[in-house]
Amino acid sequence: MAPPSQLVLAASSTDAGVAAWDLRTGSEAIRHRPCASRPRAVAAVAGRFLAAAQIAAGNSAPIHYYHWDKPQVAVKSFPAEPIRALIADPEGNYLIGGGVSGDIFFWEVASGELLVRWHAHYRDVRCLALYDMLLVSASEDGSIKIWDLLTMLDEQSRFEAKTPYLYNFNQHTLPVTDIACFHGAIAVSSSEDRTCKIWSLSEGRMLRSISFPAIIDSVEIDPRSHIFYAGGRDGKIYVTAMGVDASSQGRDDSSILGILDDHSKAVTSLTSSTDGLLLVSGSEDGNVRVWDTRSQQVTRKFKHSQGPVTNVLIVTPKRLNLPPLQPLRKVCAASGEVVPRAVILPNPENDVHIAGNLSSNLLEQLLDAQQVS
């Protein structure tokens, strides 16, 4: 049987696993167990495999890797602290994790090496986003920081920089819940302060602030236009225009273009298809909805479990026999104290070479930049 072209994935904060449904047929394809993850803690690594940071249980808070066609965990890694937010770069060469201490961890996937770790925020890192060579991190302390990865990966550049970050935004008054990046170096953040704020990553300033009638837990930008979706704690998804007068005060009704309303509890996670025609929402009510963004109607309904849905993704799996996945190291190799503490289950025979997996596009850019300077 031919593999599905696209899967809708949904994870929960309870140990109900990661459910995967065929987007075309609506049938459940597989359920990966165990898994219990917070929002923003599950990442598809270039369609090759799934990575999910687990909620701490006692002293254990591993990161799980899953293959698409096997329900069990393929690799368990035990980082130095629980990871609250997890993303991968588009090529799948790196995993970036935000820890409960406010530290950021930068791992190479092929080797498992921890390339760099730095202290970013005073409290938990709740969400991460990438735009080209810029990393955006947001925290429980309400701050958002912009990092130049070329600087962070080079020890000399970090030493010479006035501050390790490019910009530090503190306009949110309560914890940041989500952040998404848009072409043109624009980012949208949401917060428990009931606002979404729009930022220029290139200019380092806030462009607009939009108020909502409920706390916003999730945001997703429409890739086709200057519209974003804001998932509210009231169960509503607000279709919102970015073009709001920056001088406006309080709630600006003109910015809310419409409301998608089919969840009974908070909308915790949103993701869209690459063409922007589909929006997928996950909620604390345990349900997943697939929306046609043109008609603003629900086209598919999935039930994850009795627990809340914390993460939703749309993934096109690459059904390859991967080189062995390596556990993520706890400390940087340069310290001489590498202790992976991993459990690796058997993998298929390695008969497919993944181009670029053993080399780092990011490090190549870093070396090129250093040679030019």
Protein backbone atom coordinates (compact mmCIF):
# COMPACT_ATOMS: atom_id res chain seq x y z
CA MET A 1 0.00 0.00 0.00
CA ALA A 2 1.36 3.41 -0.96
CA PRO A 3 2.23 5.67 1.97
CA PRO A 4 -0.04 8.64 2.60
CA SER A 5 1.06 11.86 0.98
CA GLN A 6 0.41 13.87 4.14
CA LEU A 7 -0.28 13.11 7.78
CA VAL A 8 -1.96 15.18 10.46
CA LEU A 9 -0.17 14.59 13.77
CA ALA A 10 -1.49 15.38 17.22
CA ALA A 11 0.21 14.99 20.58
CA SER A 12 -1.14 15.38 24.10
CA SER A 13 0.17 16.33 27.52
CA THR A 14 -1.21 13.04 28.83
CA ASP A 15 0.48 9.79 27.93
CA ALA A 16 -1.88 9.09 25.02
CA GLY A 17 0.80 9.01 22.34
CA VAL A 18 1.14 10.88 19.05
CA ALA A 19 -1.80 10.12 16.76
CA ALA A 20 -1.33 10.32 12.98
CA TRP A 21 -4.17 10.48 10.46
CA ASP A 22 -4.04 10.31 6.68
CA LEU A 23 -5.12 13.79 5.59
CA ARG A 24 -6.62 12.45 2.35
CA THR A 25 -8.67 9.53 3.72
CA GLY A 26 -9.12 10.56 7.35
CA SER A 27 -8.08 7.12 8.63
CA GLU A 28 -5.71 6.78 11.58
CA ALA A 29 -2.31 5.70 10.24
CA ILE A 30 -0.36 5.02 13.44
CA ARG A 31 -0.09 6.04 17.08
CA HIS A 32 3.35 6.51 18.60
CA ARG A 33 3.64 5.61 22.28
CA PRO A 34 4.57 6.67 24.81
CA CYS A 35 4.44 10.45 24.49
CA ALA A 36 3.34 13.27 26.77
CA SER A 37 4.46 16.69 25.55
CA ARG A 38 3.78 20.32 26.31
CA PRO A 39 2.76 22.78 23.58
CA ARG A 40 5.59 23.67 21.15
CA ALA A 41 7.59 20.56 22.18
CA VAL A 42 7.08 18.33 19.10
CA ALA A 43 9.00 18.75 15.83
CA ALA A 44 9.08 16.92 12.51
CA VAL A 45 12.74 16.71 11.47
CA ALA A 46 12.62 17.47 7.71
CA GLY A 47 9.94 14.81 7.29
CA ARG A 48 12.46 12.08 8.18
CA PHE A 49 11.40 11.38 11.76
CA LEU A 50 9.53 12.89 14.70
CA ALA A 51 11.12 14.37 17.83
CA ALA A 52 9.11 15.05 21.00
CA ALA A 53 10.32 16.47 24.30
CA GLN A 54 8.57 14.77 27.18
CA ILE A 55 7.03 16.28 30.30
CA ALA A 56 9.21 15.55 33.31
CA ALA A 57 8.22 12.46 35.28
CA GLY A 58 10.29 12.44 38.44
CA ASN A 59 13.90 13.09 37.42
CA SER A 60 13.38 11.90 33.86
CA ALA A 61 12.43 14.17 30.94
CA PRO A 62 13.70 12.51 27.75
CA ILE A 63 13.42 13.53 24.12
CA HIS A 64 11.87 10.76 22.01
CA TYR A 65 12.55 10.02 18.36
CA TYR A 66 9.94 8.08 16.37
CA HIS A 67 10.07 6.54 12.89
CA TRP A 68 6.92 7.02 10.82
CA ASP A 69 6.16 3.33 10.36
CA LYS A 70 6.87 2.07 13.90
CA PRO A 71 4.74 2.89 16.94
CA GLN A 72 7.48 2.49 19.55
CA VAL A 73 10.21 4.96 20.49
CA ALA A 74 13.32 4.58 18.29
CA VAL A 75 15.69 6.67 20.44
CA LYS A 76 15.49 8.14 23.93
CA SER A 77 17.83 10.99 24.82
CA PHE A 78 18.21 12.51 28.26
CA PRO A 79 19.23 16.18 28.07
CA ALA A 80 20.66 18.06 31.02
CA GLU A 81 17.25 19.48 31.93
CA PRO A 82 13.60 19.18 30.80
CA ILE A 83 13.07 20.75 27.37
CA ARG A 84 9.98 22.95 27.14
CA ALA A 85 10.20 23.97 23.44
CA LEU A 86 11.67 22.06 20.50
CA ILE A 87 12.17 22.91 16.80
CA ALA A 88 14.25 21.65 13.88
CA ASP A 89 15.78 23.62 11.03
CA PRO A 90 14.14 23.10 7.59
CA GLU A 91 16.90 20.75 6.39
CA GLY A 92 16.70 18.61 9.53
CA ASN A 93 20.38 19.07 10.41
CA TYR A 94 19.76 20.58 13.84
CA LEU A 95 17.45 20.42 16.83
CA ILE A 96 17.08 23.48 19.03
CA GLY A 97 15.60 23.11 22.50
CA GLY A 98 14.48 25.62 25.10
CA GLY A 99 14.92 24.47 28.69
CA VAL A 100 13.06 25.10 31.92
CA SER A 101 16.08 27.03 33.26
CA GLY A 102 15.86 29.54 30.41
CA ASP A 103 18.80 27.95 28.56
CA ILE A 104 18.82 27.19 24.81
CA PHE A 105 20.43 23.97 23.51
CA PHE A 106 21.67 23.57 19.93
CA TRP A 107 22.28 19.97 18.78
CA GLU A 108 23.54 18.49 15.52
CA VAL A 109 21.16 15.68 14.56
CA ALA A 110 23.64 13.49 12.64
CA SER A 111 26.13 13.21 15.50
CA GLY A 112 24.01 14.10 18.52
CA GLU A 113 26.64 16.65 19.50
CA LEU A 114 25.58 19.60 21.64
CA LEU A 115 27.26 22.38 19.65
CA VAL A 116 26.42 25.23 22.00
CA ARG A 117 24.30 26.01 25.05
CA TRP A 118 23.57 29.49 26.36
CA HIS A 119 21.42 31.20 28.96
CA ALA A 120 18.64 33.10 27.19
CA HIS A 121 15.85 33.92 29.66
CA TYR A 122 15.19 34.15 33.37
CA ARG A 123 12.39 31.59 33.21
CA ASP A 124 11.23 28.70 30.98
CA VAL A 125 11.72 29.01 27.23
CA ARG A 126 8.15 28.38 26.05
CA CYS A 127 8.50 28.69 22.26
CA LEU A 128 11.10 28.96 19.51
CA ALA A 129 10.99 29.96 15.85
CA LEU A 130 13.50 30.24 13.02
CA TYR A 131 13.74 32.84 10.28
CA ASP A 132 16.75 32.26 8.03
CA MET A 133 19.77 32.57 10.36
CA LEU A 134 17.77 34.23 13.13
CA LEU A 135 16.42 32.33 16.12
CA VAL A 136 13.47 33.81 18.01
CA SER A 137 12.95 32.66 21.60
CA ALA A 138 10.12 33.58 23.95
CA SER A 139 9.71 32.91 27.62
CA GLU A 140 7.55 32.49 30.65
CA ASP A 141 9.07 35.81 31.80
CA GLY A 142 7.30 37.63 28.93
CA SER A 143 10.44 38.49 26.99
CA ILE A 144 11.25 37.74 23.35
CA LYS A 145 14.85 37.69 22.12
CA ILE A 146 16.35 37.55 18.63
CA TRP A 147 19.62 35.63 18.20
CA ASP A 148 22.03 35.59 15.26
CA LEU A 149 23.00 31.91 14.97
CA LEU A 150 26.27 32.72 13.21
CA THR A 151 27.29 34.66 16.30
CA MET A 152 26.02 32.07 18.78
CA LEU A 153 27.88 29.21 17.08
CA ASP A 154 31.23 31.02 17.09
CA GLU A 155 32.93 31.46 20.46
CA GLN A 156 35.01 34.46 19.37
CA SER A 157 31.95 36.25 17.95
CA ARG A 158 30.04 35.66 21.19
CA PHE A 159 32.95 37.05 23.18
CA GLU A 160 33.20 40.19 21.05
CA ALA A 161 29.45 40.95 20.93
CA LYS A 162 28.13 43.68 23.25
CA THR A 163 25.16 41.47 24.03
CA PRO A 164 24.69 37.85 22.96
CA TYR A 165 21.29 38.68 21.42
CA LEU A 166 20.44 41.08 18.61
CA TYR A 167 17.21 42.41 20.14
CA ASN A 168 15.31 42.01 23.38
CA PHE A 169 11.56 42.74 23.36
CA ASN A 170 9.76 43.24 26.67
CA GLN A 171 6.39 44.68 25.62
CA HIS A 172 4.38 41.61 26.69
CA THR A 173 3.32 41.87 30.32
CA LEU A 174 2.62 38.14 30.87
CA PRO A 175 4.10 34.86 29.58
CA VAL A 176 4.46 34.45 25.83
CA THR A 177 2.50 31.44 24.56
CA ASP A 178 3.51 31.13 20.89
CA ILE A 179 5.45 32.81 18.11
CA ALA A 180 5.45 32.45 14.31
CA CYS A 181 7.62 33.99 11.58
CA PHE A 182 6.55 35.39 8.21
CA HIS A 183 8.43 36.33 5.05
CA GLY A 184 9.89 39.80 5.19
CA ALA A 185 11.40 39.10 8.63
CA ILE A 186 8.08 39.61 10.41
CA ALA A 187 7.10 37.69 13.55
CA VAL A 188 3.80 37.43 15.43
CA SER A 189 3.73 36.56 19.12
CA SER A 190 0.85 35.72 21.46
CA SER A 191 0.67 36.09 25.21
CA GLU A 192 -1.43 35.51 28.27
CA ASP A 193 -1.83 39.32 28.35
CA ARG A 194 -4.54 38.87 25.64
CA THR A 195 -2.49 40.53 22.92
CA CYS A 196 -0.70 39.49 19.78
CA LYS A 197 2.23 41.66 18.81
CA ILE A 198 3.83 42.02 15.39
CA TRP A 199 7.59 42.50 15.23
CA SER A 200 10.16 43.50 12.64
CA LEU A 201 13.10 41.13 13.10
CA SER A 202 15.31 43.20 10.81
CA GLU A 203 14.60 46.56 12.48
CA GLY A 204 14.27 45.21 16.02
CA ARG A 205 11.02 46.93 16.91
CA MET A 206 7.34 46.29 17.54
CA LEU A 207 5.15 47.23 14.61
CA ARG A 208 1.68 46.62 16.05
CA SER A 209 -0.18 45.31 19.07
CA ILE A 210 -3.63 43.72 18.71
CA SER A 211 -5.88 43.01 21.69
CA PHE A 212 -8.30 40.07 21.88
CA PRO A 213 -11.31 39.20 24.06
CA ALA A 214 -9.54 36.08 25.35
CA ILE A 215 -6.04 34.83 26.15
CA ILE A 216 -4.35 33.67 22.94
CA ASP A 217 -2.50 30.35 23.26
CA SER A 218 -1.45 29.75 19.64
CA VAL A 219 -0.77 31.63 16.41
CA GLU A 220 -0.28 30.58 12.80
CA ILE A 221 0.46 32.87 9.86
CA ASP A 222 -1.30 32.41 6.52
CA PRO A 223 1.58 31.94 4.03
CA ARG A 224 -0.45 33.58 1.24
CA SER A 225 -1.27 36.93 2.79
CA HIS A 226 -0.91 39.27 5.76
CA ILE A 227 -3.42 37.33 7.85
CA PHE A 228 -2.79 35.22 10.92
CA TYR A 229 -4.91 32.89 13.01
CA ALA A 230 -5.05 33.33 16.78
CA GLY A 231 -6.26 30.39 18.87
CA GLY A 232 -8.07 31.61 21.97
CA ARG A 233 -8.56 30.11 25.39
CA ASP A 234 -12.28 30.61 24.74
CA GLY A 235 -12.19 27.91 22.03
CA LYS A 236 -12.36 30.38 19.13
CA ILE A 237 -9.87 30.92 16.32
CA TYR A 238 -9.65 34.58 15.37
CA VAL A 239 -8.87 35.37 11.72
CA THR A 240 -6.79 38.50 12.09
CA ALA A 241 -5.31 41.09 9.74
CA MET A 242 -1.79 42.26 10.44
CA GLY A 243 -2.41 45.75 9.08
CA VAL A 244 -3.55 47.59 12.22
CA ASP A 245 -2.71 51.17 13.11
CA ALA A 246 0.17 50.98 15.56
CA SER A 247 -1.27 53.90 17.53
CA SER A 248 -4.58 52.12 18.24
CA GLN A 249 -5.43 51.46 21.87
CA GLY A 250 -7.29 48.49 23.33
CA ARG A 251 -9.14 46.02 21.17
CA ASP A 252 -9.31 46.96 17.49
CA ASP A 253 -12.36 45.20 16.08
CA SER A 254 -11.35 46.08 12.53
CA SER A 255 -8.35 43.74 12.78
CA ILE A 256 -10.49 40.65 13.54
CA LEU A 257 -11.85 39.59 10.16
CA GLY A 258 -13.70 36.46 11.26
CA ILE A 259 -14.00 33.68 13.83
CA LEU A 260 -13.67 29.91 13.38
CA ASP A 261 -15.74 28.31 16.12
CA ASP A 262 -15.91 24.53 16.58
CA HIS A 263 -13.91 23.82 19.76
CA SER A 264 -15.37 23.76 23.26
CA LYS A 265 -12.10 24.51 25.07
CA ALA A 266 -8.83 26.38 24.50
CA VAL A 267 -7.20 26.16 21.07
CA THR A 268 -3.68 25.13 22.05
CA SER A 269 -2.02 24.58 18.68
CA LEU A 270 -2.39 25.66 15.05
CA THR A 271 -0.62 24.72 11.84
CA SER A 272 -1.33 25.34 8.16
CA SER A 273 -0.53 23.60 4.89
CA THR A 274 2.28 25.10 2.83
CA ASP A 275 -0.24 26.56 0.36
CA GLY A 276 -2.35 28.05 3.14
CA LEU A 277 -5.53 26.30 1.97
CA LEU A 278 -5.84 24.13 5.09
CA LEU A 279 -5.60 25.05 8.76
CA VAL A 280 -5.36 22.40 11.48
CA SER A 281 -6.30 23.19 15.07
CA GLY A 282 -5.83 21.21 18.29
CA SER A 283 -7.69 21.89 21.50
CA GLU A 284 -7.89 21.05 25.18
CA ASP A 285 -11.21 19.37 24.34
CA GLY A 286 -9.16 16.50 22.81
CA ASN A 287 -10.31 17.26 19.27
CA VAL A 288 -8.44 18.10 16.08
CA ARG A 289 -10.12 20.07 13.29
CA VAL A 290 -9.07 20.54 9.66
CA TRP A 291 -10.40 23.81 8.20
CA ASP A 292 -10.78 24.92 4.59
CA THR A 293 -9.47 28.48 4.88
CA ARG A 294 -11.40 29.67 1.83
CA SER A 295 -14.83 28.57 3.06
CA GLN A 296 -13.83 28.70 6.76
CA GLN A 297 -15.59 25.35 7.23
CA VAL A 298 -14.42 22.19 8.98
CA THR A 299 -13.57 19.48 6.45
CA ARG A 300 -12.35 16.76 8.85
CA LYS A 301 -12.74 16.01 12.54
CA PHE A 302 -10.38 13.82 14.54
CA LYS A 303 -10.60 12.71 18.17
CA HIS A 304 -7.23 12.27 19.82
CA SER A 305 -8.10 11.07 23.29
CA GLN A 306 -9.74 12.18 26.49
CA GLY A 307 -6.71 14.35 27.24
CA PRO A 308 -5.92 17.77 25.80
CA VAL A 309 -4.21 18.14 22.42
CA THR A 310 -1.05 20.22 22.82
CA ASN A 311 0.63 19.97 19.41
CA VAL A 312 -0.60 19.57 15.82
CA LEU A 313 1.53 19.22 12.70
CA ILE A 314 1.04 18.56 8.99
CA VAL A 315 3.85 16.33 7.76
CA THR A 316 4.81 14.74 4.46
CA PRO A 317 6.81 11.72 5.66
CA LYS A 318 9.97 10.66 3.87
CA ARG A 319 9.81 6.88 4.01
CA LEU A 320 13.55 6.18 4.04
CA ASN A 321 15.81 3.76 5.84
CA LEU A 322 17.74 6.30 7.85
CA PRO A 323 21.31 6.20 9.05
CA PRO A 324 21.21 5.32 12.76
CA LEU A 325 19.73 8.18 14.77
CA GLN A 326 22.14 9.41 17.41
CA PRO A 327 21.17 10.33 20.98
CA LEU A 328 21.51 13.98 21.94
CA ARG A 329 24.43 14.74 24.24
CA LYS A 330 23.94 16.35 27.62
CA VAL A 331 26.98 18.63 27.46
CA CYS A 332 29.21 20.15 24.83
CA ALA A 333 31.88 17.75 23.59
CA ALA A 334 34.65 20.28 24.27
CA SER A 335 34.14 19.86 28.02
CA GLY A 336 35.14 16.21 27.86
CA GLU A 337 32.13 15.19 29.93
CA VAL A 338 29.85 13.74 27.27
CA VAL A 339 27.38 11.30 28.82
CA PRO A 340 24.59 10.48 26.31
CA ARG A 341 22.55 8.19 28.61
CA ALA A 342 20.41 6.92 25.75
CA VAL A 343 18.41 3.83 24.93
CA ILE A 344 18.59 3.06 21.20
CA LEU A 345 16.30 0.43 19.78
CA PRO A 346 17.17 -1.51 16.58
CA ASN A 347 16.83 0.43 13.33
CA PRO A 348 16.46 -0.77 9.71
CA GLU A 349 19.58 -1.48 7.68
CA ASN A 350 21.09 1.70 6.33
CA ASP A 351 20.65 1.52 2.57
CA VAL A 352 19.87 5.15 1.78
CA HIS A 353 22.34 8.00 2.12
CA ILE A 354 20.70 11.28 3.12
CA ALA A 355 22.52 14.08 1.37
CA GLY A 356 23.72 16.76 3.73
CA ASN A 357 22.88 14.80 6.86
CA LEU A 358 26.52 14.42 7.85
CA SER A 359 27.45 17.96 6.92
CA SER A 360 26.18 21.16 8.34
CA ASN A 361 24.79 23.78 6.00
CA LEU A 362 24.75 26.18 8.91
CA LEU A 363 28.36 25.53 9.87
CA GLU A 364 29.41 25.84 6.22
CA GLN A 365 27.83 29.29 6.15
CA LEU A 366 29.60 30.10 9.40
CA LEU A 367 32.99 29.05 8.01
CA ASP A 368 32.40 30.98 4.80
CA ALA A 369 31.51 34.11 6.79
CA GLN A 370 34.65 33.76 8.92
CA GLN A 371 36.87 33.36 5.85
CA VAL A 372 35.40 36.50 4.30
CA SER A 373 36.04 38.49 7.48
